[in-house]
Amino acid sequence: MSSKRNHHSKQFKLDAINYRNEHPDLTQVECAKNLGIGVSTLAKWESQFRNNDGDIPVCGSGNYQSDDAKEIARLKRELRDAQDALDVLKKAISILGKS
């Protein structure tokens, strides 16, 4: 059975961090529960926010930060596929060469 992952918008993530900052009397667990998200999810977003100068990267499901990032991801996939094909050919040559 596959699990369905929630994909939250960048605005939702920023709002969640603002909610946490505006309610210092609440614990991280209480904030996460009020927002309907996991504690580890909120902690990850806060960490990303601190490490990216107040911004949260939104990736996954084709959500790339720029056209360049999308092109880089496509080229990486293409390179990986070509390397996999090359590995298969090398194995086939070594098997056929032994006969």
PDB file of N, CA and C in Angstrom:
ATOM      1  N   MET A   1       0.848  -1.177   0.000  1.00  0.00           N
ATOM      2  CA  MET A   1       0.000   0.000   0.000  1.00  0.00           C
ATOM      3  C   MET A   1       0.890   1.235   0.000  1.00  0.00           C
ATOM      4  N   SER A   2       0.662   2.152  -0.902  1.00  0.00           N
ATOM      5  CA  SER A   2       1.489   3.357  -0.964  1.00  0.00           C
ATOM      6  C   SER A   2       0.871   4.451  -0.104  1.00  0.00           C
ATOM      7  N   SER A   3       1.745   5.247   0.484  1.00  0.00           N
ATOM      8  CA  SER A   3       1.258   6.342   1.308  1.00  0.00           C
ATOM      9  C   SER A   3       1.165   7.610   0.468  1.00  0.00           C
ATOM     10  N   LYS A   4       0.218   8.449   0.798  1.00  0.00           N
ATOM     11  CA  LYS A   4       0.017   9.692   0.061  1.00  0.00           C
ATOM     12  C   LYS A   4       0.689  10.813   0.841  1.00  0.00           C
ATOM     13  N   ARG A   5       1.655  11.461   0.217  1.00  0.00           N
ATOM     14  CA  ARG A   5       2.378  12.543   0.868  1.00  0.00           C
ATOM     15  C   ARG A   5       1.692  13.863   0.587  1.00  0.00           C
ATOM     16  N   ASN A   6       1.663  14.708   1.603  1.00  0.00           N
ATOM     17  CA  ASN A   6       1.130  16.052   1.424  1.00  0.00           C
ATOM     18  C   ASN A   6       2.232  16.952   0.886  1.00  0.00           C
ATOM     19  N   HIS A   7       1.902  17.752  -0.096  1.00  0.00           N
ATOM     20  CA  HIS A   7       2.827  18.739  -0.630  1.00  0.00           C
ATOM     21  C   HIS A   7       2.285  20.105  -0.233  1.00  0.00           C
ATOM     22  N   HIS A   8       3.032  20.782   0.616  1.00  0.00           N
ATOM     23  CA  HIS A   8       2.597  22.083   1.105  1.00  0.00           C
ATOM     24  C   HIS A   8       3.249  23.184   0.282  1.00  0.00           C
ATOM     25  N   SER A   9       2.498  24.241   0.067  1.00  0.00           N
ATOM     26  CA  SER A   9       3.018  25.365  -0.708  1.00  0.00           C
ATOM     27  C   SER A   9       4.072  26.114   0.102  1.00  0.00           C
ATOM     28  N   LYS A  10       4.851  26.881  -0.609  1.00  0.00           N
ATOM     29  CA  LYS A  10       5.876  27.699   0.042  1.00  0.00           C
ATOM     30  C   LYS A  10       5.216  28.658   1.031  1.00  0.00           C
ATOM     31  N   GLN A  11       4.082  29.223   0.644  1.00  0.00           N
ATOM     32  CA  GLN A  11       3.385  30.167   1.516  1.00  0.00           C
ATOM     33  C   GLN A  11       2.919  29.488   2.800  1.00  0.00           C
ATOM     34  N   PHE A  12       2.420  28.263   2.703  1.00  0.00           N
ATOM     35  CA  PHE A  12       1.989  27.532   3.895  1.00  0.00           C
ATOM     36  C   PHE A  12       3.167  27.315   4.836  1.00  0.00           C
ATOM     37  N   LYS A  13       4.320  26.949   4.265  1.00  0.00           N
ATOM     38  CA  LYS A  13       5.510  26.713   5.086  1.00  0.00           C
ATOM     39  C   LYS A  13       5.944  27.990   5.799  1.00  0.00           C
ATOM     40  N   LEU A  14       5.937  29.106   5.068  1.00  0.00           N
ATOM     41  CA  LEU A  14       6.311  30.382   5.681  1.00  0.00           C
ATOM     42  C   LEU A  14       5.302  30.795   6.752  1.00  0.00           C
ATOM     43  N   ASP A  15       4.024  30.566   6.489  1.00  0.00           N
ATOM     44  CA  ASP A  15       2.988  30.871   7.479  1.00  0.00           C
ATOM     45  C   ASP A  15       3.154  30.015   8.727  1.00  0.00           C
ATOM     46  N   ALA A  16       3.535  28.759   8.552  1.00  0.00           N
ATOM     47  CA  ALA A  16       3.747  27.868   9.692  1.00  0.00           C
ATOM     48  C   ALA A  16       4.899  28.367  10.557  1.00  0.00           C
ATOM     49  N   ILE A  17       5.966  28.819   9.922  1.00  0.00           N
ATOM     50  CA  ILE A  17       7.111  29.347  10.667  1.00  0.00           C
ATOM     51  C   ILE A  17       6.724  30.634  11.384  1.00  0.00           C
ATOM     52  N   ASN A  18       5.964  31.497  10.712  1.00  0.00           N
ATOM     53  CA  ASN A  18       5.498  32.729  11.354  1.00  0.00           C
ATOM     54  C   ASN A  18       4.596  32.420  12.540  1.00  0.00           C
ATOM     55  N   TYR A  19       3.726  31.438  12.393  1.00  0.00           N
ATOM     56  CA  TYR A  19       2.841  31.030  13.487  1.00  0.00           C
ATOM     57  C   TYR A  19       3.664  30.592  14.690  1.00  0.00           C
ATOM     58  N   ARG A  20       4.685  29.797  14.427  1.00  0.00           N
ATOM     59  CA  ARG A  20       5.565  29.307  15.503  1.00  0.00           C
ATOM     60  C   ARG A  20       6.261  30.471  16.194  1.00  0.00           C
ATOM     61  N   ASN A  21       6.739  31.449  15.413  1.00  0.00           N
ATOM     62  CA  ASN A  21       7.442  32.599  15.983  1.00  0.00           C
ATOM     63  C   ASN A  21       6.505  33.537  16.736  1.00  0.00           C
ATOM     64  N   GLU A  22       5.257  33.634  16.285  1.00  0.00           N
ATOM     65  CA  GLU A  22       4.292  34.528  16.920  1.00  0.00           C
ATOM     66  C   GLU A  22       3.672  33.932  18.179  1.00  0.00           C
ATOM     67  N   HIS A  23       3.892  32.649  18.418  1.00  0.00           N
ATOM     68  CA  HIS A  23       3.347  31.979  19.601  1.00  0.00           C
ATOM     69  C   HIS A  23       4.467  31.317  20.404  1.00  0.00           C
ATOM     70  N   PRO A  24       5.326  32.132  21.033  1.00  0.00           N
ATOM     71  CA  PRO A  24       6.443  31.558  21.792  1.00  0.00           C
ATOM     72  C   PRO A  24       5.984  30.774  23.022  1.00  0.00           C
ATOM     73  N   ASP A  25       4.741  31.008  23.453  1.00  0.00           N
ATOM     74  CA  ASP A  25       4.213  30.284  24.609  1.00  0.00           C
ATOM     75  C   ASP A  25       3.872  28.832  24.271  1.00  0.00           C
ATOM     76  N   LEU A  26       3.727  28.515  22.987  1.00  0.00           N
ATOM     77  CA  LEU A  26       3.407  27.149  22.570  1.00  0.00           C
ATOM     78  C   LEU A  26       4.685  26.381  22.263  1.00  0.00           C
ATOM     79  N   THR A  27       4.673  25.096  22.572  1.00  0.00           N
ATOM     80  CA  THR A  27       5.814  24.251  22.222  1.00  0.00           C
ATOM     81  C   THR A  27       5.751  23.934  20.732  1.00  0.00           C
ATOM     82  N   GLN A  28       6.834  23.399  20.235  1.00  0.00           N
ATOM     83  CA  GLN A  28       6.880  23.012  18.821  1.00  0.00           C
ATOM     84  C   GLN A  28       5.835  21.930  18.540  1.00  0.00           C
ATOM     85  N   VAL A  29       5.654  21.036  19.494  1.00  0.00           N
ATOM     86  CA  VAL A  29       4.670  19.958  19.347  1.00  0.00           C
ATOM     87  C   VAL A  29       3.261  20.537  19.241  1.00  0.00           C
ATOM     88  N   GLU A  30       2.944  21.504  20.098  1.00  0.00           N
ATOM     89  CA  GLU A  30       1.615  22.115  20.074  1.00  0.00           C
ATOM     90  C   GLU A  30       1.382  22.890  18.771  1.00  0.00           C
ATOM     91  N   CYS A  31       2.396  23.616  18.332  1.00  0.00           N
ATOM     92  CA  CYS A  31       2.267  24.358  17.066  1.00  0.00           C
ATOM     93  C   CYS A  31       2.017  23.408  15.900  1.00  0.00           C
ATOM     94  N   ALA A  32       2.803  22.338  15.844  1.00  0.00           N
ATOM     95  CA  ALA A  32       2.646  21.372  14.754  1.00  0.00           C
ATOM     96  C   ALA A  32       1.252  20.754  14.784  1.00  0.00           C
ATOM     97  N   LYS A  33       0.779  20.421  15.973  1.00  0.00           N
ATOM     98  CA  LYS A  33      -0.549  19.819  16.104  1.00  0.00           C
ATOM     99  C   LYS A  33      -1.627  20.804  15.645  1.00  0.00           C
ATOM    100  N   ASN A  34      -1.495  22.065  16.039  1.00  0.00           N
ATOM    101  CA  ASN A  34      -2.469  23.084  15.632  1.00  0.00           C
ATOM    102  C   ASN A  34      -2.488  23.282  14.115  1.00  0.00           C
ATOM    103  N   LEU A  35      -1.332  23.113  13.496  1.00  0.00           N
ATOM    104  CA  LEU A  35      -1.230  23.291  12.045  1.00  0.00           C
ATOM    105  C   LEU A  35      -1.562  22.021  11.262  1.00  0.00           C
ATOM    106  N   GLY A  36      -1.660  20.892  11.963  1.00  0.00           N
ATOM    107  CA  GLY A  36      -1.977  19.630  11.299  1.00  0.00           C
ATOM    108  C   GLY A  36      -0.802  19.030  10.552  1.00  0.00           C
ATOM    109  N   ILE A  37       0.399  19.300  11.042  1.00  0.00           N
ATOM    110  CA  ILE A  37       1.603  18.735  10.427  1.00  0.00           C
ATOM    111  C   ILE A  37       2.430  18.032  11.491  1.00  0.00           C
ATOM    112  N   GLY A  38       3.399  17.264  11.068  1.00  0.00           N
ATOM    113  CA  GLY A  38       4.268  16.561  11.998  1.00  0.00           C
ATOM    114  C   GLY A  38       5.300  17.492  12.615  1.00  0.00           C
ATOM    115  N   VAL A  39       5.747  17.132  13.809  1.00  0.00           N
ATOM    116  CA  VAL A  39       6.746  17.935  14.508  1.00  0.00           C
ATOM    117  C   VAL A  39       8.049  17.981  13.705  1.00  0.00           C
ATOM    118  N   SER A  40       8.444  16.840  13.163  1.00  0.00           N
ATOM    119  CA  SER A  40       9.693  16.800  12.393  1.00  0.00           C
ATOM    120  C   SER A  40       9.583  17.652  11.125  1.00  0.00           C
ATOM    121  N   THR A  41       8.396  17.720  10.562  1.00  0.00           N
ATOM    122  CA  THR A  41       8.181  18.550   9.373  1.00  0.00           C
ATOM    123  C   THR A  41       8.380  20.022   9.712  1.00  0.00           C
ATOM    124  N   LEU A  42       7.780  20.455  10.804  1.00  0.00           N
ATOM    125  CA  LEU A  42       7.925  21.847  11.231  1.00  0.00           C
ATOM    126  C   LEU A  42       9.384  22.159  11.560  1.00  0.00           C
ATOM    127  N   ALA A  43      10.045  21.242  12.236  1.00  0.00           N
ATOM    128  CA  ALA A  43      11.458  21.444  12.582  1.00  0.00           C
ATOM    129  C   ALA A  43      12.318  21.561  11.326  1.00  0.00           C
ATOM    130  N   LYS A  44      12.023  20.724  10.323  1.00  0.00           N
ATOM    131  CA  LYS A  44      12.779  20.767   9.065  1.00  0.00           C
ATOM    132  C   LYS A  44      12.570  22.109   8.366  1.00  0.00           C
ATOM    133  N   TRP A  45      11.333  22.585   8.329  1.00  0.00           N
ATOM    134  CA  TRP A  45      11.051  23.863   7.688  1.00  0.00           C
ATOM    135  C   TRP A  45      11.765  24.998   8.404  1.00  0.00           C
ATOM    136  N   GLU A  46      11.776  24.966   9.746  1.00  0.00           N
ATOM    137  CA  GLU A  46      12.467  26.006  10.511  1.00  0.00           C
ATOM    138  C   GLU A  46      13.964  25.987  10.211  1.00  0.00           C
ATOM    139  N   SER A  47      14.527  24.807  10.124  1.00  0.00           N
ATOM    140  CA  SER A  47      15.950  24.664   9.818  1.00  0.00           C
ATOM    141  C   SER A  47      16.260  25.197   8.422  1.00  0.00           C
ATOM    142  N   GLN A  48      15.440  24.837   7.449  1.00  0.00           N
ATOM    143  CA  GLN A  48      15.628  25.327   6.083  1.00  0.00           C
ATOM    144  C   GLN A  48      15.508  26.845   6.033  1.00  0.00           C
ATOM    145  N   PHE A  49      14.580  27.392   6.798  1.00  0.00           N
ATOM    146  CA  PHE A  49      14.358  28.835   6.843  1.00  0.00           C
ATOM    147  C   PHE A  49      15.597  29.546   7.375  1.00  0.00           C
ATOM    148  N   ARG A  50      16.172  29.008   8.463  1.00  0.00           N
ATOM    149  CA  ARG A  50      17.381  29.602   9.047  1.00  0.00           C
ATOM    150  C   ARG A  50      18.582  29.471   8.113  1.00  0.00           C
ATOM    151  N   ASN A  51      18.726  28.323   7.471  1.00  0.00           N
ATOM    152  CA  ASN A  51      19.900  28.049   6.642  1.00  0.00           C
ATOM    153  C   ASN A  51      19.859  28.716   5.271  1.00  0.00           C
ATOM    154  N   ASN A  52      18.693  29.195   4.849  1.00  0.00           N
ATOM    155  CA  ASN A  52      18.551  29.805   3.519  1.00  0.00           C
ATOM    156  C   ASN A  52      18.201  31.286   3.597  1.00  0.00           C
ATOM    157  N   ASP A  53      18.670  31.949   4.631  1.00  0.00           N
ATOM    158  CA  ASP A  53      18.462  33.397   4.778  1.00  0.00           C
ATOM    159  C   ASP A  53      16.996  33.800   4.679  1.00  0.00           C
ATOM    160  N   GLY A  54      16.146  33.090   5.388  1.00  0.00           N
ATOM    161  CA  GLY A  54      14.739  33.449   5.427  1.00  0.00           C
ATOM    162  C   GLY A  54      13.920  32.987   4.249  1.00  0.00           C
ATOM    163  N   ASP A  55      14.410  32.005   3.534  1.00  0.00           N
ATOM    164  CA  ASP A  55      13.669  31.466   2.396  1.00  0.00           C
ATOM    165  C   ASP A  55      13.567  29.954   2.556  1.00  0.00           C
ATOM    166  N   ILE A  56      12.535  29.376   1.979  1.00  0.00           N
ATOM    167  CA  ILE A  56      12.355  27.929   2.029  1.00  0.00           C
ATOM    168  C   ILE A  56      12.333  27.407   0.604  1.00  0.00           C
ATOM    169  N   PRO A  57      13.267  26.528   0.263  1.00  0.00           N
ATOM    170  CA  PRO A  57      13.232  25.957  -1.080  1.00  0.00           C
ATOM    171  C   PRO A  57      12.045  25.018  -1.231  1.00  0.00           C
ATOM    172  N   VAL A  58      11.391  25.091  -2.364  1.00  0.00           N
ATOM    173  CA  VAL A  58      10.257  24.215  -2.635  1.00  0.00           C
ATOM    174  C   VAL A  58      10.641  23.335  -3.811  1.00  0.00           C
ATOM    175  N   CYS A  59      10.872  22.070  -3.542  1.00  0.00           N
ATOM    176  CA  CYS A  59      11.269  21.131  -4.584  1.00  0.00           C
ATOM    177  C   CYS A  59      10.386  19.896  -4.509  1.00  0.00           C
ATOM    178  N   GLY A  60      10.428  19.110  -5.562  1.00  0.00           N
ATOM    179  CA  GLY A  60       9.610  17.902  -5.605  1.00  0.00           C
ATOM    180  C   GLY A  60       8.404  18.112  -6.488  1.00  0.00           C
ATOM    181  N   SER A  61       7.930  17.071  -7.078  1.00  0.00           N
ATOM    182  CA  SER A  61       6.772  17.110  -7.971  1.00  0.00           C
ATOM    183  C   SER A  61       6.936  18.134  -9.084  1.00  0.00           C
ATOM    184  N   GLY A  62       8.165  18.306  -9.545  1.00  0.00           N
ATOM    185  CA  GLY A  62       8.390  19.219 -10.648  1.00  0.00           C
ATOM    186  C   GLY A  62       8.419  20.681 -10.267  1.00  0.00           C
ATOM    187  N   ASN A  63       8.403  20.983  -8.988  1.00  0.00           N
ATOM    188  CA  ASN A  63       8.461  22.374  -8.551  1.00  0.00           C
ATOM    189  C   ASN A  63       9.917  22.799  -8.426  1.00  0.00           C
ATOM    190  N   TYR A  64      10.462  23.370  -9.477  1.00  0.00           N
ATOM    191  CA  TYR A  64      11.852  23.794  -9.470  1.00  0.00           C
ATOM    192  C   TYR A  64      11.919  25.288  -9.229  1.00  0.00           C
ATOM    193  N   GLN A  65      13.003  25.705  -8.618  1.00  0.00           N
ATOM    194  CA  GLN A  65      13.156  27.114  -8.286  1.00  0.00           C
ATOM    195  C   GLN A  65      13.326  27.979  -9.531  1.00  0.00           C
ATOM    196  N   SER A  66      13.898  27.419 -10.583  1.00  0.00           N
ATOM    197  CA  SER A  66      14.101  28.192 -11.808  1.00  0.00           C
ATOM    198  C   SER A  66      14.127  27.241 -12.999  1.00  0.00           C
ATOM    199  N   ASP A  67      14.131  27.827 -14.175  1.00  0.00           N
ATOM    200  CA  ASP A  67      14.245  27.011 -15.387  1.00  0.00           C
ATOM    201  C   ASP A  67      15.597  26.321 -15.440  1.00  0.00           C
ATOM    202  N   ASP A  68      16.625  27.000 -14.921  1.00  0.00           N
ATOM    203  CA  ASP A  68      17.959  26.391 -14.896  1.00  0.00           C
ATOM    204  C   ASP A  68      17.972  25.144 -14.017  1.00  0.00           C
ATOM    205  N   ALA A  69      17.316  25.216 -12.855  1.00  0.00           N
ATOM    206  CA  ALA A  69      17.268  24.060 -11.957  1.00  0.00           C
ATOM    207  C   ALA A  69      16.527  22.903 -12.618  1.00  0.00           C
ATOM    208  N   LYS A  70      15.478  23.221 -13.356  1.00  0.00           N
ATOM    209  CA  LYS A  70      14.716  22.192 -14.063  1.00  0.00           C
ATOM    210  C   LYS A  70      15.577  21.533 -15.133  1.00  0.00           C
ATOM    211  N   GLU A  71      16.335  22.353 -15.867  1.00  0.00           N
ATOM    212  CA  GLU A  71      17.216  21.830 -16.912  1.00  0.00           C
ATOM    213  C   GLU A  71      18.332  20.979 -16.307  1.00  0.00           C
ATOM    214  N   ILE A  72      18.887  21.413 -15.192  1.00  0.00           N
ATOM    215  CA  ILE A  72      19.941  20.638 -14.519  1.00  0.00           C
ATOM    216  C   ILE A  72      19.402  19.284 -14.084  1.00  0.00           C
ATOM    217  N   ALA A  73      18.207  19.264 -13.517  1.00  0.00           N
ATOM    218  CA  ALA A  73      17.601  18.002 -13.089  1.00  0.00           C
ATOM    219  C   ALA A  73      17.384  17.075 -14.282  1.00  0.00           C
ATOM    220  N   ARG A  74      16.925  17.636 -15.409  1.00  0.00           N
ATOM    221  CA  ARG A  74      16.716  16.831 -16.610  1.00  0.00           C
ATOM    222  C   ARG A  74      18.030  16.256 -17.119  1.00  0.00           C
ATOM    223  N   LEU A  75      19.069  17.066 -17.136  1.00  0.00           N
ATOM    224  CA  LEU A  75      20.377  16.600 -17.603  1.00  0.00           C
ATOM    225  C   LEU A  75      20.971  15.542 -16.674  1.00  0.00           C
ATOM    226  N   LYS A  76      20.751  15.694 -15.378  1.00  0.00           N
ATOM    227  CA  LYS A  76      21.229  14.682 -14.427  1.00  0.00           C
ATOM    228  C   LYS A  76      20.528  13.348 -14.661  1.00  0.00           C
ATOM    229  N   ARG A  77      19.217  13.399 -14.906  1.00  0.00           N
ATOM    230  CA  ARG A  77      18.472  12.168 -15.203  1.00  0.00           C
ATOM    231  C   ARG A  77      18.989  11.528 -16.478  1.00  0.00           C
ATOM    232  N   GLU A  78      19.215  12.357 -17.494  1.00  0.00           N
ATOM    233  CA  GLU A  78      19.709  11.855 -18.774  1.00  0.00           C
ATOM    234  C   GLU A  78      21.093  11.221 -18.611  1.00  0.00           C
ATOM    235  N   LEU A  79      21.968  11.856 -17.846  1.00  0.00           N
ATOM    236  CA  LEU A  79      23.301  11.313 -17.596  1.00  0.00           C
ATOM    237  C   LEU A  79      23.217   9.993 -16.843  1.00  0.00           C
ATOM    238  N   ARG A  80      22.359   9.938 -15.829  1.00  0.00           N
ATOM    239  CA  ARG A  80      22.195   8.706 -15.054  1.00  0.00           C
ATOM    240  C   ARG A  80      21.705   7.572 -15.950  1.00  0.00           C
ATOM    241  N   ASP A  81      20.741   7.862 -16.817  1.00  0.00           N
ATOM    242  CA  ASP A  81      20.223   6.838 -17.727  1.00  0.00           C
ATOM    243  C   ASP A  81      21.303   6.357 -18.696  1.00  0.00           C
ATOM    244  N   ALA A  82      22.106   7.289 -19.206  1.00  0.00           N
ATOM    245  CA  ALA A  82      23.180   6.912 -20.130  1.00  0.00           C
ATOM    246  C   ALA A  82      24.233   6.063 -19.421  1.00  0.00           C
ATOM    247  N   GLN A  83      24.554   6.416 -18.177  1.00  0.00           N
ATOM    248  CA  GLN A  83      25.528   5.634 -17.413  1.00  0.00           C
ATOM    249  C   GLN A  83      24.994   4.230 -17.131  1.00  0.00           C
ATOM    250  N   ASP A  84      23.710   4.131 -16.827  1.00  0.00           N
ATOM    251  CA  ASP A  84      23.102   2.813 -16.599  1.00  0.00           C
ATOM    252  C   ASP A  84      23.167   1.964 -17.867  1.00  0.00           C
ATOM    253  N   ALA A  85      22.868   2.564 -19.008  1.00  0.00           N
ATOM    254  CA  ALA A  85      22.925   1.832 -20.277  1.00  0.00           C
ATOM    255  C   ALA A  85      24.350   1.383 -20.574  1.00  0.00           C
ATOM    256  N   LEU A  86      25.318   2.234 -20.293  1.00  0.00           N
ATOM    257  CA  LEU A  86      26.722   1.886 -20.507  1.00  0.00           C
ATOM    258  C   LEU A  86      27.144   0.723 -19.611  1.00  0.00           C
ATOM    259  N   ASP A  87      26.699   0.745 -18.357  1.00  0.00           N
ATOM    260  CA  ASP A  87      27.010  -0.355 -17.436  1.00  0.00           C
ATOM    261  C   ASP A  87      26.448  -1.679 -17.948  1.00  0.00           C
ATOM    262  N   VAL A  88      25.227  -1.655 -18.476  1.00  0.00           N
ATOM    263  CA  VAL A  88      24.612  -2.868 -19.020  1.00  0.00           C
ATOM    264  C   VAL A  88      25.423  -3.378 -20.208  1.00  0.00           C
ATOM    265  N   LEU A  89      25.831  -2.475 -21.085  1.00  0.00           N
ATOM    266  CA  LEU A  89      26.631  -2.876 -22.244  1.00  0.00           C
ATOM    267  C   LEU A  89      27.981  -3.458 -21.824  1.00  0.00           C
ATOM    268  N   LYS A  90      28.611  -2.872 -20.835  1.00  0.00           N
ATOM    269  CA  LYS A  90      29.896  -3.390 -20.349  1.00  0.00           C
ATOM    270  C   LYS A  90      29.734  -4.806 -19.804  1.00  0.00           C
ATOM    271  N   LYS A  91      28.661  -5.034 -19.056  1.00  0.00           N
ATOM    272  CA  LYS A  91      28.410  -6.373 -18.513  1.00  0.00           C
ATOM    273  C   LYS A  91      28.148  -7.370 -19.636  1.00  0.00           C
ATOM    274  N   ALA A  92      27.390  -6.943 -20.642  1.00  0.00           N
ATOM    275  CA  ALA A  92      27.089  -7.829 -21.770  1.00  0.00           C
ATOM    276  C   ALA A  92      28.365  -8.185 -22.525  1.00  0.00           C
ATOM    277  N   ILE A  93      29.239  -7.220 -22.726  1.00  0.00           N
ATOM    278  CA  ILE A  93      30.501  -7.480 -23.428  1.00  0.00           C
ATOM    279  C   ILE A  93      31.365  -8.448 -22.636  1.00  0.00           C
ATOM    280  N   SER A  94      31.407  -8.269 -21.315  1.00  0.00           N
ATOM    281  CA  SER A  94      32.237  -9.168 -20.508  1.00  0.00           C
ATOM    282  C   SER A  94      31.672 -10.592 -20.506  1.00  0.00           C
ATOM    283  N   ILE A  95      30.354 -10.715 -20.518  1.00  0.00           N
ATOM    284  CA  ILE A  95      29.733 -12.046 -20.547  1.00  0.00           C
ATOM    285  C   ILE A  95      29.953 -12.700 -21.906  1.00  0.00           C
ATOM    286  N   LEU A  96      29.736 -11.958 -22.988  1.00  0.00           N
ATOM    287  CA  LEU A  96      29.898 -12.502 -24.335  1.00  0.00           C
ATOM    288  C   LEU A  96      31.368 -12.752 -24.668  1.00  0.00           C
ATOM    289  N   GLY A  97      32.261 -11.983 -24.084  1.00  0.00           N
ATOM    290  CA  GLY A  97      33.681 -12.155 -24.347  1.00  0.00           C
ATOM    291  C   GLY A  97      34.256 -13.404 -23.715  1.00  0.00           C
ATOM    292  N   LYS A  98      33.603 -13.927 -22.688  1.00  0.00           N
ATOM    293  CA  LYS A  98      34.079 -15.132 -21.993  1.00  0.00           C
ATOM    294  C   LYS A  98      33.723 -16.401 -22.748  1.00  0.00           C
ATOM    295  N   SER A  99      32.750 -16.363 -23.628  1.00  0.00           N
ATOM    296  CA  SER A  99      32.308 -17.576 -24.319  1.00  0.00           C
ATOM    297  C   SER A  99      33.236 -17.992 -25.413  1.00  0.00           C
TER     298      SER A  99
END
